[in-house]
Amino acid sequence: MSTALSSKFKKTPARHTGESLEELRKALETVSFGSVEIYVQDGVITQITIRHIKKTNLEINGSFKKILTESPI
């Protein structure tokens, strides 16, 4: 899942860091596993994208492979 937080950052110069840093802090707090991407164009933060990764310990064995190959998607 990814979330783009772009509307607040349009036309906000990167040197005006108060609001930008607060939004980045909030974005970082939401991620246990994943990434936060910051997009900058002409010195302006245009987008923050948050990607959440779900970690699993799922072991694929013979019966699970059979379910995957027989189930219509």
Protein backbone atom coordinates (compact mmCIF):
# COMPACT_ATOMS: atom_id res chain seq x y z
CA MET A 1 0.00 0.00 0.00
CA SER A 2 1.31 3.47 -0.73
CA THR A 3 -0.08 6.84 0.21
CA ALA A 4 0.72 10.12 -1.50
CA LEU A 5 0.55 13.31 0.55
CA SER A 6 1.00 15.89 -2.18
CA SER A 7 -1.67 18.60 -1.82
CA LYS A 8 -0.08 20.32 1.20
CA PHE A 9 3.31 20.54 -0.46
CA LYS A 10 2.55 22.23 -3.74
CA LYS A 11 4.21 25.65 -3.92
CA THR A 12 5.89 25.20 -0.52
CA PRO A 13 9.59 26.16 -0.77
CA ALA A 14 11.86 23.55 0.80
CA ARG A 15 13.54 26.27 2.89
CA HIS A 16 10.24 26.77 4.77
CA THR A 17 10.85 23.68 6.83
CA GLY A 18 8.46 23.99 9.79
CA GLU A 19 5.37 22.46 8.21
CA SER A 20 7.38 20.25 5.86
CA LEU A 21 9.41 18.71 8.68
CA GLU A 22 6.27 18.10 10.73
CA GLU A 23 4.62 16.29 7.81
CA LEU A 24 7.78 14.23 7.27
CA ARG A 25 7.88 13.35 10.97
CA LYS A 26 4.25 12.19 10.83
CA ALA A 27 4.96 10.12 7.74
CA LEU A 28 7.98 8.44 9.36
CA GLU A 29 5.98 7.62 12.49
CA THR A 30 3.47 5.62 10.43
CA VAL A 31 6.05 3.26 8.93
CA SER A 32 7.16 0.11 10.80
CA PHE A 33 8.47 -1.57 7.66
CA GLY A 34 8.61 0.37 4.41
CA SER A 35 9.86 3.66 3.08
CA VAL A 36 9.11 7.37 2.86
CA GLU A 37 9.95 9.02 -0.45
CA ILE A 38 10.30 12.79 -0.78
CA TYR A 39 9.87 14.35 -4.22
CA VAL A 40 11.35 17.79 -4.81
CA GLN A 41 11.00 19.92 -7.94
CA ASP A 42 12.67 23.31 -8.27
CA GLY A 43 13.27 23.51 -4.51
CA VAL A 44 9.66 22.64 -3.70
CA ILE A 45 8.47 19.47 -1.96
CA THR A 46 5.81 18.26 -4.34
CA GLN A 47 5.00 14.86 -2.85
CA ILE A 48 5.63 12.53 0.06
CA THR A 49 4.92 8.87 -0.67
CA ILE A 50 4.60 6.37 2.16
CA ARG A 51 5.04 2.68 1.36
CA HIS A 52 4.03 0.12 3.97
CA ILE A 53 5.47 -3.38 3.74
CA LYS A 54 3.77 -6.32 5.43
CA LYS A 55 6.37 -8.77 6.69
CA THR A 56 5.41 -12.43 6.79
CA ASN A 57 6.98 -15.72 7.78
CA LEU A 58 4.85 -17.71 5.38
CA GLU A 59 6.57 -20.87 4.29
CA ILE A 60 5.52 -22.14 0.89
CA ASN A 61 5.21 -25.90 1.08
CA GLY A 62 3.71 -28.44 -1.29
CA SER A 63 0.07 -28.02 -0.21
CA PHE A 64 0.22 -24.24 -0.40
CA LYS A 65 1.76 -24.39 -3.89
CA LYS A 66 -1.11 -26.67 -4.91
CA ILE A 67 -3.67 -24.14 -3.63
CA LEU A 68 -1.95 -21.34 -5.54
CA THR A 69 -1.85 -23.25 -8.82
CA GLU A 70 -5.43 -24.58 -8.60
CA SER A 71 -7.21 -21.41 -7.43
CA PRO A 72 -8.54 -19.08 -10.13
CA ILE A 73 -7.39 -15.52 -9.62
